[in-house]
Amino acid sequence: MKLRLHNSRGQVVGSVEVSDRVFGAPMNAALVHQVMVGQLANARQGTAKVKTRRQVSGGGAKPRPQKYTGRARQGSIRAPHWKGGGVVFGPTPRSYRHATPVRMRRKAMLSVLSDKAREDELVVVDELIPESHKTREMAKVLDALGRRSSVLLVADGADDATLRSANNIPRVKLLPAALLNTRDLLNHRRVVMTLDAVRKVEELWGAPFIRHKPQAVEV
């Protein structure tokens, strides 16, 4: 398939032939949802923790006599129903990790990337060349390329000064082609990719997935 090729001023200067395997994959909503849930779960730290009644300090003495006060029997001020007491059935450190197969993550990412191309939310630019290495100049370039609420900028091949100029633009995230993932593609409305980034994506994910089996070692 072919995608329109833009310059830094937002003008269409031609077209570029891209791989149908990468940019023409069918949309699989169920697979994308499953991969997204796993990616969000893996981002959780799982460090939330509360103290039980045996871990809360204090409470060693009986708060009041057992009998003859007319009030309920109490053994410790650190019981769960007392203010400052321990917590019952609270969170403890745990792992939320989901083991999502590589093939599923790869197919989900290509599904979202291809959907961006079909919805005309994928912009391919030949080179990112702002007039100067300043944030406002890079913002003008992104505006010319149709920047909307959010942009995922995949600028492989651009120089470091150009990349630094885009760091302070709100709702713009820079990501190398090798780290493209389903979550970032879904979280940004428009994807701007350089031609070098497109070729890198085709190199990484254009070939069929082959699982290499470990060879047996003779003893």
N, C-alpha and C. Protein backbone atom coordinates (compact mmCIF):
# COMPACT_ATOMS: atom_id res chain seq x y z
N MET A 1 0.84 -1.19 0.00
CA MET A 1 0.00 0.00 0.00
C MET A 1 0.88 1.25 0.00
N LYS A 2 0.26 2.39 -0.28
CA LYS A 2 0.99 3.65 -0.35
C LYS A 2 0.43 4.64 0.67
N LEU A 3 1.34 5.42 1.25
CA LEU A 3 0.98 6.48 2.18
C LEU A 3 1.52 7.80 1.64
N ARG A 4 0.81 8.87 1.92
CA ARG A 4 1.26 10.18 1.49
C ARG A 4 2.50 10.61 2.26
N LEU A 5 3.43 11.24 1.57
CA LEU A 5 4.67 11.71 2.18
C LEU A 5 4.62 13.23 2.28
N HIS A 6 4.84 13.74 3.49
CA HIS A 6 4.80 15.18 3.75
C HIS A 6 6.20 15.71 4.01
N ASN A 7 6.33 17.03 3.88
CA ASN A 7 7.56 17.69 4.31
C ASN A 7 7.31 18.40 5.63
N SER A 8 8.30 19.11 6.13
CA SER A 8 8.18 19.76 7.44
C SER A 8 7.15 20.89 7.44
N ARG A 9 6.74 21.35 6.28
CA ARG A 9 5.74 22.41 6.18
C ARG A 9 4.33 21.86 6.05
N GLY A 10 4.19 20.55 6.08
CA GLY A 10 2.88 19.93 5.98
C GLY A 10 2.41 19.71 4.56
N GLN A 11 3.22 20.01 3.57
CA GLN A 11 2.84 19.84 2.17
C GLN A 11 3.09 18.41 1.72
N VAL A 12 2.20 17.89 0.89
CA VAL A 12 2.36 16.56 0.33
C VAL A 12 3.35 16.63 -0.83
N VAL A 13 4.44 15.89 -0.70
CA VAL A 13 5.51 15.94 -1.72
C VAL A 13 5.60 14.65 -2.52
N GLY A 14 4.74 13.69 -2.21
CA GLY A 14 4.78 12.44 -2.94
C GLY A 14 4.11 11.34 -2.15
N SER A 15 4.47 10.11 -2.46
CA SER A 15 3.94 8.95 -1.75
C SER A 15 5.06 7.97 -1.48
N VAL A 16 4.82 7.11 -0.53
CA VAL A 16 5.83 6.12 -0.15
C VAL A 16 5.17 4.76 -0.08
N GLU A 17 5.82 3.78 -0.63
CA GLU A 17 5.32 2.40 -0.61
C GLU A 17 5.69 1.75 0.71
N VAL A 18 4.69 1.21 1.41
CA VAL A 18 4.92 0.58 2.71
C VAL A 18 4.38 -0.84 2.68
N SER A 19 4.78 -1.60 3.66
CA SER A 19 4.41 -3.01 3.73
C SER A 19 2.97 -3.18 4.19
N ASP A 20 2.21 -4.01 3.46
CA ASP A 20 0.83 -4.31 3.86
C ASP A 20 0.79 -5.11 5.15
N ARG A 21 1.84 -5.88 5.42
CA ARG A 21 1.87 -6.68 6.63
C ARG A 21 1.95 -5.80 7.88
N VAL A 22 2.56 -4.61 7.74
CA VAL A 22 2.72 -3.72 8.88
C VAL A 22 1.62 -2.68 8.94
N PHE A 23 1.32 -2.05 7.81
CA PHE A 23 0.38 -0.93 7.79
C PHE A 23 -0.98 -1.29 7.19
N GLY A 24 -1.18 -2.55 6.87
CA GLY A 24 -2.48 -2.98 6.34
C GLY A 24 -3.06 -4.15 7.08
N ALA A 25 -2.68 -4.34 8.33
CA ALA A 25 -3.18 -5.45 9.12
C ALA A 25 -4.63 -5.21 9.53
N PRO A 26 -5.46 -6.24 9.59
CA PRO A 26 -6.86 -6.06 10.01
C PRO A 26 -6.94 -5.72 11.50
N MET A 27 -8.02 -5.04 11.86
CA MET A 27 -8.22 -4.65 13.25
C MET A 27 -8.80 -5.81 14.03
N ASN A 28 -8.19 -6.11 15.17
CA ASN A 28 -8.67 -7.17 16.07
C ASN A 28 -8.90 -6.53 17.43
N ALA A 29 -10.12 -6.06 17.66
CA ALA A 29 -10.41 -5.31 18.88
C ALA A 29 -10.24 -6.16 20.13
N ALA A 30 -10.63 -7.43 20.07
CA ALA A 30 -10.51 -8.29 21.24
C ALA A 30 -9.05 -8.50 21.62
N LEU A 31 -8.21 -8.70 20.63
CA LEU A 31 -6.78 -8.88 20.89
C LEU A 31 -6.17 -7.61 21.44
N VAL A 32 -6.54 -6.45 20.87
CA VAL A 32 -6.01 -5.18 21.35
C VAL A 32 -6.42 -4.94 22.79
N HIS A 33 -7.66 -5.27 23.13
CA HIS A 33 -8.13 -5.10 24.52
C HIS A 33 -7.34 -5.99 25.47
N GLN A 34 -7.12 -7.23 25.08
CA GLN A 34 -6.40 -8.16 25.95
C GLN A 34 -4.96 -7.71 26.18
N VAL A 35 -4.30 -7.25 25.13
CA VAL A 35 -2.92 -6.79 25.25
C VAL A 35 -2.87 -5.50 26.08
N MET A 36 -3.84 -4.62 25.88
CA MET A 36 -3.87 -3.37 26.63
C MET A 36 -4.08 -3.62 28.12
N VAL A 37 -4.96 -4.54 28.46
CA VAL A 37 -5.18 -4.88 29.87
C VAL A 37 -3.89 -5.42 30.49
N GLY A 38 -3.20 -6.28 29.76
CA GLY A 38 -1.95 -6.81 30.28
C GLY A 38 -0.88 -5.75 30.43
N GLN A 39 -0.81 -4.82 29.49
CA GLN A 39 0.20 -3.76 29.58
C GLN A 39 -0.09 -2.82 30.74
N LEU A 40 -1.36 -2.49 30.96
CA LEU A 40 -1.71 -1.64 32.10
C LEU A 40 -1.46 -2.36 33.42
N ALA A 41 -1.72 -3.65 33.45
CA ALA A 41 -1.47 -4.41 34.68
C ALA A 41 0.02 -4.48 34.99
N ASN A 42 0.85 -4.63 33.96
CA ASN A 42 2.29 -4.69 34.18
C ASN A 42 2.87 -3.36 34.62
N ALA A 43 2.15 -2.27 34.36
CA ALA A 43 2.62 -0.96 34.79
C ALA A 43 2.33 -0.69 36.26
N ARG A 44 1.52 -1.51 36.90
CA ARG A 44 1.20 -1.30 38.31
C ARG A 44 2.37 -1.75 39.20
N GLN A 45 2.65 -0.96 40.21
CA GLN A 45 3.76 -1.28 41.09
C GLN A 45 3.40 -2.39 42.07
N GLY A 46 2.19 -2.41 42.53
CA GLY A 46 1.77 -3.44 43.48
C GLY A 46 2.42 -3.29 44.84
N THR A 47 2.72 -2.06 45.27
CA THR A 47 3.39 -1.83 46.55
C THR A 47 2.45 -1.31 47.64
N ALA A 48 1.14 -1.24 47.36
CA ALA A 48 0.21 -0.75 48.38
C ALA A 48 0.17 -1.71 49.56
N LYS A 49 0.22 -1.15 50.78
CA LYS A 49 0.25 -1.99 51.97
C LYS A 49 -0.33 -1.23 53.15
N VAL A 50 -1.06 -1.93 53.99
CA VAL A 50 -1.59 -1.37 55.23
C VAL A 50 -1.10 -2.23 56.39
N LYS A 51 -1.22 -1.69 57.59
CA LYS A 51 -0.78 -2.40 58.79
C LYS A 51 -1.96 -3.12 59.44
N THR A 52 -1.72 -4.34 59.84
CA THR A 52 -2.72 -5.08 60.60
C THR A 52 -2.63 -4.70 62.07
N ARG A 53 -3.49 -5.27 62.90
CA ARG A 53 -3.53 -4.89 64.30
C ARG A 53 -2.25 -5.30 65.04
N ARG A 54 -1.56 -6.30 64.55
CA ARG A 54 -0.33 -6.70 65.23
C ARG A 54 0.86 -5.84 64.79
N GLN A 55 0.71 -5.08 63.69
CA GLN A 55 1.80 -4.24 63.20
C GLN A 55 1.68 -2.79 63.63
N VAL A 56 0.50 -2.37 64.11
CA VAL A 56 0.32 -1.01 64.57
C VAL A 56 0.93 -0.86 65.95
N SER A 57 1.66 0.23 66.18
CA SER A 57 2.33 0.42 67.47
C SER A 57 1.31 0.79 68.54
N GLY A 58 1.66 0.44 69.78
CA GLY A 58 0.79 0.77 70.92
C GLY A 58 -0.25 -0.31 71.15
N GLY A 59 -1.12 -0.04 72.11
CA GLY A 59 -2.22 -0.96 72.38
C GLY A 59 -1.86 -2.12 73.27
N GLY A 60 -0.75 -2.03 73.98
CA GLY A 60 -0.39 -3.16 74.83
C GLY A 60 -1.23 -3.25 76.10
N ALA A 61 -1.66 -2.12 76.61
CA ALA A 61 -2.44 -2.12 77.86
C ALA A 61 -3.94 -2.21 77.54
N LYS A 62 -4.65 -2.83 78.42
CA LYS A 62 -6.11 -2.92 78.26
C LYS A 62 -6.69 -1.52 78.46
N PRO A 63 -7.53 -1.01 77.54
CA PRO A 63 -7.98 0.39 77.64
C PRO A 63 -8.84 0.68 78.86
N ARG A 64 -9.62 -0.29 79.37
CA ARG A 64 -10.46 -0.09 80.55
C ARG A 64 -10.73 -1.44 81.19
N PRO A 65 -11.20 -1.44 82.42
CA PRO A 65 -11.47 -2.71 83.09
C PRO A 65 -12.49 -3.55 82.33
N GLN A 66 -12.37 -4.84 82.56
CA GLN A 66 -13.26 -5.78 81.86
C GLN A 66 -14.71 -5.62 82.34
N LYS A 67 -14.90 -5.38 83.62
CA LYS A 67 -16.25 -5.37 84.19
C LYS A 67 -16.54 -4.06 84.93
N TYR A 68 -17.83 -3.89 85.22
CA TYR A 68 -18.34 -2.85 86.12
C TYR A 68 -18.19 -1.42 85.58
N THR A 69 -18.02 -1.27 84.26
CA THR A 69 -18.00 0.09 83.70
C THR A 69 -19.26 0.38 82.90
N GLY A 70 -20.03 -0.66 82.61
CA GLY A 70 -21.22 -0.47 81.80
C GLY A 70 -20.95 -0.34 80.32
N ARG A 71 -19.71 -0.47 79.93
CA ARG A 71 -19.35 -0.32 78.51
C ARG A 71 -18.87 -1.66 77.94
N ALA A 72 -18.70 -1.71 76.64
CA ALA A 72 -18.33 -2.95 75.98
C ALA A 72 -16.91 -3.37 76.38
N ARG A 73 -16.68 -4.67 76.33
CA ARG A 73 -15.36 -5.21 76.63
C ARG A 73 -14.37 -4.87 75.51
N GLN A 74 -13.22 -4.36 75.89
CA GLN A 74 -12.19 -4.01 74.92
C GLN A 74 -10.85 -4.53 75.41
N GLY A 75 -10.09 -5.10 74.47
CA GLY A 75 -8.79 -5.63 74.83
C GLY A 75 -7.62 -4.79 74.37
N SER A 76 -7.82 -3.98 73.31
CA SER A 76 -6.72 -3.18 72.78
C SER A 76 -7.28 -1.99 71.99
N ILE A 77 -6.59 -0.86 72.09
CA ILE A 77 -7.02 0.30 71.33
C ILE A 77 -6.57 0.20 69.87
N ARG A 78 -5.82 -0.85 69.53
CA ARG A 78 -5.38 -1.05 68.15
C ARG A 78 -6.23 -2.09 67.43
N ALA A 79 -7.39 -2.41 67.96
CA ALA A 79 -8.33 -3.28 67.27
C ALA A 79 -8.87 -2.57 66.02
N PRO A 80 -9.32 -3.30 65.02
CA PRO A 80 -9.73 -2.65 63.76
C PRO A 80 -10.84 -1.63 63.91
N HIS A 81 -11.72 -1.75 64.89
CA HIS A 81 -12.83 -0.82 65.00
C HIS A 81 -12.48 0.43 65.81
N TRP A 82 -11.23 0.51 66.29
CA TRP A 82 -10.79 1.71 66.99
C TRP A 82 -10.08 2.64 65.99
N LYS A 83 -10.19 3.95 66.24
CA LYS A 83 -9.47 4.90 65.42
C LYS A 83 -7.96 4.72 65.62
N GLY A 84 -7.23 4.62 64.50
CA GLY A 84 -5.80 4.37 64.57
C GLY A 84 -5.46 2.91 64.71
N GLY A 85 -6.47 2.06 64.66
CA GLY A 85 -6.21 0.62 64.79
C GLY A 85 -5.77 0.00 63.48
N GLY A 86 -5.57 -1.29 63.52
CA GLY A 86 -5.16 -2.02 62.33
C GLY A 86 -6.29 -2.13 61.32
N VAL A 87 -5.92 -2.50 60.10
CA VAL A 87 -6.88 -2.64 59.00
C VAL A 87 -7.10 -4.11 58.72
N VAL A 88 -8.37 -4.46 58.50
CA VAL A 88 -8.72 -5.84 58.20
C VAL A 88 -8.84 -6.01 56.69
N PHE A 89 -8.23 -7.04 56.15
CA PHE A 89 -8.31 -7.38 54.73
C PHE A 89 -7.85 -6.22 53.83
N GLY A 90 -6.83 -5.50 54.26
CA GLY A 90 -6.30 -4.42 53.44
C GLY A 90 -5.34 -4.94 52.38
N PRO A 91 -4.88 -4.06 51.49
CA PRO A 91 -3.96 -4.49 50.43
C PRO A 91 -2.58 -4.83 50.97
N THR A 92 -1.95 -5.78 50.35
CA THR A 92 -0.59 -6.18 50.68
C THR A 92 0.22 -6.21 49.38
N PRO A 93 1.54 -6.08 49.45
CA PRO A 93 2.34 -6.10 48.21
C PRO A 93 2.11 -7.37 47.41
N ARG A 94 1.89 -7.18 46.12
CA ARG A 94 1.64 -8.32 45.24
C ARG A 94 2.06 -7.94 43.82
N SER A 95 2.15 -8.92 42.97
CA SER A 95 2.50 -8.70 41.57
C SER A 95 1.24 -8.81 40.71
N TYR A 96 1.04 -7.82 39.84
CA TYR A 96 -0.09 -7.81 38.92
C TYR A 96 0.32 -8.24 37.51
N ARG A 97 1.47 -8.79 37.36
CA ARG A 97 2.03 -9.03 36.05
C ARG A 97 1.21 -10.03 35.25
N HIS A 98 1.00 -9.68 33.97
CA HIS A 98 0.36 -10.56 33.00
C HIS A 98 1.41 -10.98 31.98
N ALA A 99 1.54 -12.25 31.75
CA ALA A 99 2.50 -12.77 30.77
C ALA A 99 1.81 -12.84 29.41
N THR A 100 1.92 -11.77 28.62
CA THR A 100 1.31 -11.73 27.29
C THR A 100 2.32 -12.22 26.27
N PRO A 101 1.97 -13.19 25.44
CA PRO A 101 2.93 -13.70 24.44
C PRO A 101 3.40 -12.61 23.48
N VAL A 102 4.61 -12.77 22.99
CA VAL A 102 5.20 -11.78 22.07
C VAL A 102 4.37 -11.67 20.81
N ARG A 103 3.87 -12.77 20.31
CA ARG A 103 3.10 -12.75 19.07
C ARG A 103 1.82 -11.94 19.24
N MET A 104 1.18 -12.04 20.38
CA MET A 104 -0.04 -11.28 20.63
C MET A 104 0.27 -9.78 20.72
N ARG A 105 1.33 -9.41 21.44
CA ARG A 105 1.70 -8.00 21.55
C ARG A 105 2.03 -7.42 20.18
N ARG A 106 2.71 -8.21 19.37
CA ARG A 106 3.10 -7.75 18.05
C ARG A 106 1.88 -7.53 17.15
N LYS A 107 0.95 -8.48 17.13
CA LYS A 107 -0.23 -8.36 16.28
C LYS A 107 -1.12 -7.22 16.74
N ALA A 108 -1.23 -7.01 18.04
CA ALA A 108 -2.07 -5.92 18.55
C ALA A 108 -1.48 -4.57 18.16
N MET A 109 -0.17 -4.43 18.28
CA MET A 109 0.46 -3.17 17.92
C MET A 109 0.30 -2.87 16.43
N LEU A 110 0.47 -3.88 15.59
CA LEU A 110 0.31 -3.68 14.15
C LEU A 110 -1.15 -3.39 13.80
N SER A 111 -2.10 -3.96 14.54
CA SER A 111 -3.51 -3.68 14.30
C SER A 111 -3.83 -2.22 14.55
N VAL A 112 -3.33 -1.68 15.66
CA VAL A 112 -3.59 -0.27 15.98
C VAL A 112 -2.86 0.64 15.01
N LEU A 113 -1.62 0.31 14.66
CA LEU A 113 -0.87 1.14 13.72
C LEU A 113 -1.55 1.16 12.35
N SER A 114 -2.04 0.02 11.89
CA SER A 114 -2.74 -0.03 10.61
C SER A 114 -4.06 0.72 10.68
N ASP A 115 -4.73 0.67 11.81
CA ASP A 115 -5.98 1.42 11.96
C ASP A 115 -5.72 2.92 11.92
N LYS A 116 -4.60 3.37 12.48
CA LYS A 116 -4.22 4.78 12.38
C LYS A 116 -4.02 5.18 10.92
N ALA A 117 -3.41 4.30 10.13
CA ALA A 117 -3.20 4.60 8.72
C ALA A 117 -4.52 4.66 7.97
N ARG A 118 -5.45 3.76 8.29
CA ARG A 118 -6.74 3.78 7.61
C ARG A 118 -7.57 4.99 7.98
N GLU A 119 -7.45 5.45 9.22
CA GLU A 119 -8.22 6.60 9.68
C GLU A 119 -7.53 7.93 9.36
N ASP A 120 -6.45 7.88 8.60
CA ASP A 120 -5.69 9.08 8.21
C ASP A 120 -5.14 9.82 9.43
N GLU A 121 -4.81 9.08 10.47
CA GLU A 121 -4.21 9.66 11.66
C GLU A 121 -2.71 9.36 11.73
N LEU A 122 -2.17 8.77 10.69
CA LEU A 122 -0.74 8.49 10.59
C LEU A 122 -0.14 9.40 9.53
N VAL A 123 0.82 10.22 9.93
CA VAL A 123 1.46 11.18 9.03
C VAL A 123 2.92 10.77 8.86
N VAL A 124 3.33 10.60 7.63
CA VAL A 124 4.71 10.25 7.32
C VAL A 124 5.40 11.50 6.78
N VAL A 125 6.51 11.88 7.40
CA VAL A 125 7.24 13.07 7.01
C VAL A 125 8.64 12.65 6.56
N ASP A 126 9.12 13.29 5.49
CA ASP A 126 10.43 12.89 4.95
C ASP A 126 11.55 13.22 5.93
N GLU A 127 11.55 14.45 6.48
CA GLU A 127 12.55 14.86 7.45
C GLU A 127 11.94 15.89 8.39
N LEU A 128 12.38 15.87 9.64
CA LEU A 128 11.97 16.89 10.60
C LEU A 128 13.05 17.97 10.62
N ILE A 129 12.78 19.07 9.94
CA ILE A 129 13.78 20.14 9.84
C ILE A 129 13.10 21.46 10.23
N PRO A 130 13.05 21.79 11.52
CA PRO A 130 12.51 23.10 11.90
C PRO A 130 13.48 24.21 11.54
N GLU A 131 12.96 25.43 11.50
CA GLU A 131 13.82 26.57 11.15
C GLU A 131 14.91 26.79 12.18
N SER A 132 14.62 26.50 13.43
CA SER A 132 15.63 26.58 14.49
C SER A 132 15.29 25.53 15.53
N HIS A 133 16.26 25.22 16.37
CA HIS A 133 16.06 24.19 17.38
C HIS A 133 15.42 24.79 18.62
N LYS A 134 14.22 25.30 18.44
CA LYS A 134 13.46 25.86 19.55
C LYS A 134 12.10 25.19 19.62
N THR A 135 11.53 25.20 20.81
CA THR A 135 10.27 24.50 21.01
C THR A 135 9.16 25.08 20.15
N ARG A 136 9.11 26.41 20.04
CA ARG A 136 8.02 27.01 19.26
C ARG A 136 8.13 26.67 17.78
N GLU A 137 9.35 26.49 17.27
CA GLU A 137 9.52 26.13 15.88
C GLU A 137 9.08 24.68 15.63
N MET A 138 9.40 23.80 16.58
CA MET A 138 8.93 22.42 16.44
C MET A 138 7.42 22.34 16.57
N ALA A 139 6.84 23.19 17.42
CA ALA A 139 5.39 23.23 17.54
C ALA A 139 4.75 23.67 16.23
N LYS A 140 5.37 24.61 15.53
CA LYS A 140 4.85 25.04 14.22
C LYS A 140 4.89 23.89 13.22
N VAL A 141 5.96 23.10 13.26
CA VAL A 141 6.06 21.95 12.36
C VAL A 141 4.94 20.95 12.63
N LEU A 142 4.70 20.66 13.90
CA LEU A 142 3.64 19.71 14.25
C LEU A 142 2.26 20.25 13.91
N ASP A 143 2.07 21.56 14.07
CA ASP A 143 0.80 22.16 13.68
C ASP A 143 0.58 22.05 12.17
N ALA A 144 1.65 22.23 11.40
CA ALA A 144 1.54 22.09 9.95
C ALA A 144 1.22 20.66 9.54
N LEU A 145 1.66 19.70 10.36
CA LEU A 145 1.39 18.29 10.07
C LEU A 145 0.06 17.82 10.62
N GLY A 146 -0.73 18.75 11.14
CA GLY A 146 -2.08 18.41 11.61
C GLY A 146 -2.14 17.96 13.04
N ARG A 147 -1.39 18.62 13.92
CA ARG A 147 -1.42 18.24 15.33
C ARG A 147 -2.80 18.52 15.91
N ARG A 148 -3.30 17.56 16.67
CA ARG A 148 -4.61 17.71 17.31
C ARG A 148 -4.42 17.66 18.82
N SER A 149 -5.23 16.89 19.50
CA SER A 149 -5.15 16.88 20.97
C SER A 149 -3.85 16.29 21.46
N SER A 150 -3.34 15.24 20.81
CA SER A 150 -2.10 14.61 21.27
C SER A 150 -1.39 14.00 20.07
N VAL A 151 -0.05 13.93 20.19
CA VAL A 151 0.78 13.43 19.09
C VAL A 151 1.81 12.46 19.65
N LEU A 152 1.96 11.34 18.97
CA LEU A 152 3.06 10.42 19.23
C LEU A 152 4.08 10.62 18.12
N LEU A 153 5.25 11.14 18.47
CA LEU A 153 6.28 11.49 17.49
C LEU A 153 7.33 10.40 17.47
N VAL A 154 7.42 9.70 16.35
CA VAL A 154 8.42 8.64 16.15
C VAL A 154 9.41 9.20 15.14
N ALA A 155 10.49 9.78 15.66
CA ALA A 155 11.39 10.59 14.83
C ALA A 155 12.76 9.94 14.69
N ASP A 156 12.80 8.71 14.24
CA ASP A 156 14.09 8.08 13.97
C ASP A 156 14.80 8.82 12.85
N GLY A 157 16.09 9.08 13.02
CA GLY A 157 16.86 9.78 12.01
C GLY A 157 17.02 11.27 12.27
N ALA A 158 16.20 11.84 13.17
CA ALA A 158 16.33 13.26 13.49
C ALA A 158 17.50 13.47 14.43
N ASP A 159 18.08 14.67 14.40
CA ASP A 159 19.23 14.95 15.26
C ASP A 159 18.76 15.22 16.69
N ASP A 160 19.70 15.19 17.63
CA ASP A 160 19.38 15.33 19.05
C ASP A 160 18.77 16.69 19.36
N ALA A 161 19.25 17.74 18.71
CA ALA A 161 18.71 19.08 18.98
C ALA A 161 17.25 19.18 18.59
N THR A 162 16.89 18.54 17.49
CA THR A 162 15.49 18.55 17.06
C THR A 162 14.62 17.77 18.04
N LEU A 163 15.12 16.67 18.54
CA LEU A 163 14.36 15.88 19.50
C LEU A 163 14.18 16.63 20.81
N ARG A 164 15.22 17.32 21.26
CA ARG A 164 15.11 18.08 22.51
C ARG A 164 14.11 19.22 22.38
N SER A 165 13.97 19.77 21.18
CA SER A 165 13.05 20.89 21.00
C SER A 165 11.59 20.47 21.15
N ALA A 166 11.32 19.18 21.06
CA ALA A 166 9.94 18.70 21.19
C ALA A 166 9.61 18.19 22.59
N ASN A 167 10.59 18.22 23.49
CA ASN A 167 10.36 17.66 24.82
C ASN A 167 9.35 18.44 25.64
N ASN A 168 9.30 19.76 25.46
CA ASN A 168 8.46 20.60 26.31
C ASN A 168 7.09 20.89 25.71
N ILE A 169 6.76 20.31 24.59
CA ILE A 169 5.45 20.55 23.98
C ILE A 169 4.41 19.69 24.69
N PRO A 170 3.35 20.28 25.20
CA PRO A 170 2.33 19.48 25.91
C PRO A 170 1.67 18.47 24.98
N ARG A 171 1.36 17.31 25.53
CA ARG A 171 0.64 16.24 24.84
C ARG A 171 1.39 15.72 23.62
N VAL A 172 2.73 15.83 23.66
CA VAL A 172 3.58 15.27 22.60
C VAL A 172 4.57 14.33 23.26
N LYS A 173 4.60 13.10 22.80
CA LYS A 173 5.52 12.11 23.36
C LYS A 173 6.44 11.60 22.27
N LEU A 174 7.74 11.56 22.57
CA LEU A 174 8.73 11.04 21.64
C LEU A 174 9.00 9.58 21.96
N LEU A 175 9.10 8.78 20.90
CA LEU A 175 9.32 7.36 21.09
C LEU A 175 10.09 6.82 19.89
N PRO A 176 11.16 6.05 20.11
CA PRO A 176 11.84 5.43 18.97
C PRO A 176 11.00 4.31 18.37
N ALA A 177 11.26 4.00 17.13
CA ALA A 177 10.46 2.98 16.44
C ALA A 177 10.56 1.62 17.11
N ALA A 178 11.70 1.33 17.71
CA ALA A 178 11.89 0.02 18.33
C ALA A 178 11.04 -0.15 19.59
N LEU A 179 10.53 0.94 20.16
CA LEU A 179 9.74 0.86 21.39
C LEU A 179 8.27 1.14 21.16
N LEU A 180 7.81 1.09 19.93
CA LEU A 180 6.38 1.27 19.67
C LEU A 180 5.57 0.20 20.39
N ASN A 181 4.44 0.60 20.95
CA ASN A 181 3.61 -0.35 21.69
C ASN A 181 2.15 0.05 21.57
N THR A 182 1.28 -0.86 21.94
CA THR A 182 -0.16 -0.65 21.79
C THR A 182 -0.66 0.49 22.67
N ARG A 183 -0.17 0.58 23.88
CA ARG A 183 -0.67 1.60 24.81
C ARG A 183 -0.40 3.01 24.31
N ASP A 184 0.82 3.30 23.87
CA ASP A 184 1.14 4.65 23.41
C ASP A 184 0.40 4.98 22.12
N LEU A 185 0.20 4.00 21.26
CA LEU A 185 -0.54 4.26 20.02
C LEU A 185 -2.00 4.60 20.32
N LEU A 186 -2.59 3.93 21.29
CA LEU A 186 -3.98 4.20 21.63
C LEU A 186 -4.15 5.50 22.42
N ASN A 187 -3.13 5.88 23.18
CA ASN A 187 -3.24 7.06 24.03
C ASN A 187 -3.02 8.37 23.28
N HIS A 188 -2.61 8.31 22.01
CA HIS A 188 -2.35 9.53 21.25
C HIS A 188 -3.20 9.53 19.99
N ARG A 189 -3.77 10.70 19.72
CA ARG A 189 -4.70 10.82 18.59
C ARG A 189 -3.98 10.68 17.25
N ARG A 190 -2.86 11.36 17.09
CA ARG A 190 -2.16 11.37 15.81
C ARG A 190 -0.75 10.83 15.99
N VAL A 191 -0.29 10.09 14.99
CA VAL A 191 1.06 9.52 14.99
C VAL A 191 1.84 10.15 13.85
N VAL A 192 2.96 10.78 14.17
CA VAL A 192 3.84 11.39 13.17
C VAL A 192 5.13 10.57 13.13
N MET A 193 5.43 10.04 11.97
CA MET A 193 6.60 9.18 11.81
C MET A 193 7.48 9.72 10.69
N THR A 194 8.76 9.69 10.93
CA THR A 194 9.69 10.01 9.85
C THR A 194 9.82 8.81 8.92
N LEU A 195 10.36 9.06 7.73
CA LEU A 195 10.52 7.97 6.78
C LEU A 195 11.49 6.93 7.30
N ASP A 196 12.52 7.36 8.03
CA ASP A 196 13.45 6.40 8.64
C ASP A 196 12.74 5.53 9.66
N ALA A 197 11.81 6.11 10.42
CA ALA A 197 11.07 5.33 11.40
C ALA A 197 10.17 4.30 10.74
N VAL A 198 9.55 4.67 9.60
CA VAL A 198 8.71 3.72 8.86
C VAL A 198 9.54 2.53 8.40
N ARG A 199 10.72 2.79 7.87
CA ARG A 199 11.57 1.70 7.40
C ARG A 199 12.06 0.84 8.57
N LYS A 200 12.29 1.47 9.70
CA LYS A 200 12.72 0.71 10.88
C LYS A 200 11.61 -0.21 11.36
N VAL A 201 10.37 0.29 11.37
CA VAL A 201 9.23 -0.54 11.78
C VAL A 201 9.06 -1.71 10.82
N GLU A 202 9.20 -1.47 9.53
CA GLU A 202 9.09 -2.55 8.56
C GLU A 202 10.20 -3.58 8.76
N GLU A 203 11.37 -3.11 9.10
CA GLU A 203 12.49 -4.03 9.33
C GLU A 203 12.26 -4.90 10.57
N LEU A 204 11.68 -4.30 11.61
CA LEU A 204 11.49 -5.02 12.86
C LEU A 204 10.30 -5.98 12.81
N TRP A 205 9.19 -5.52 12.22
CA TRP A 205 7.95 -6.30 12.30
C TRP A 205 7.36 -6.64 10.94
N GLY A 206 8.11 -6.43 9.88
CA GLY A 206 7.58 -6.75 8.55
C GLY A 206 7.67 -8.21 8.19
N ALA A 207 8.61 -8.93 8.79
CA ALA A 207 8.78 -10.34 8.46
C ALA A 207 7.87 -11.19 9.33
N PRO A 208 7.50 -12.38 8.87
CA PRO A 208 6.67 -13.26 9.71
C PRO A 208 7.38 -13.63 11.00
N PHE A 209 6.58 -13.83 12.04
CA PHE A 209 7.15 -14.17 13.34
C PHE A 209 7.59 -15.63 13.33
N ILE A 210 8.83 -15.87 13.72
CA ILE A 210 9.39 -17.22 13.77
C ILE A 210 9.92 -17.46 15.18
N ARG A 211 9.39 -18.50 15.79
CA ARG A 211 9.86 -18.84 17.14
C ARG A 211 11.05 -19.79 17.03
N HIS A 212 12.17 -19.38 17.58
CA HIS A 212 13.39 -20.20 17.52
C HIS A 212 13.42 -21.13 18.73
N LYS A 213 13.45 -22.42 18.45
CA LYS A 213 13.50 -23.40 19.51
C LYS A 213 14.95 -23.64 19.94
N PRO A 214 15.18 -23.75 21.22
CA PRO A 214 16.55 -24.01 21.69
C PRO A 214 17.01 -25.40 21.26
N GLN A 215 18.22 -25.47 20.82
CA GLN A 215 18.76 -26.74 20.36
C GLN A 215 19.30 -27.54 21.55
N ALA A 216 19.11 -28.84 21.45
CA ALA A 216 19.58 -29.73 22.50
C ALA A 216 21.11 -29.80 22.47
N VAL A 217 21.68 -29.80 23.65
CA VAL A 217 23.13 -29.83 23.79
C VAL A 217 23.55 -31.25 24.13
N GLU A 218 24.42 -31.81 23.32
CA GLU A 218 24.89 -33.16 23.58
C GLU A 218 25.91 -33.15 24.70
N VAL A 219 25.75 -34.10 25.59
CA VAL A 219 26.65 -34.20 26.74
C VAL A 219 27.67 -35.30 26.46
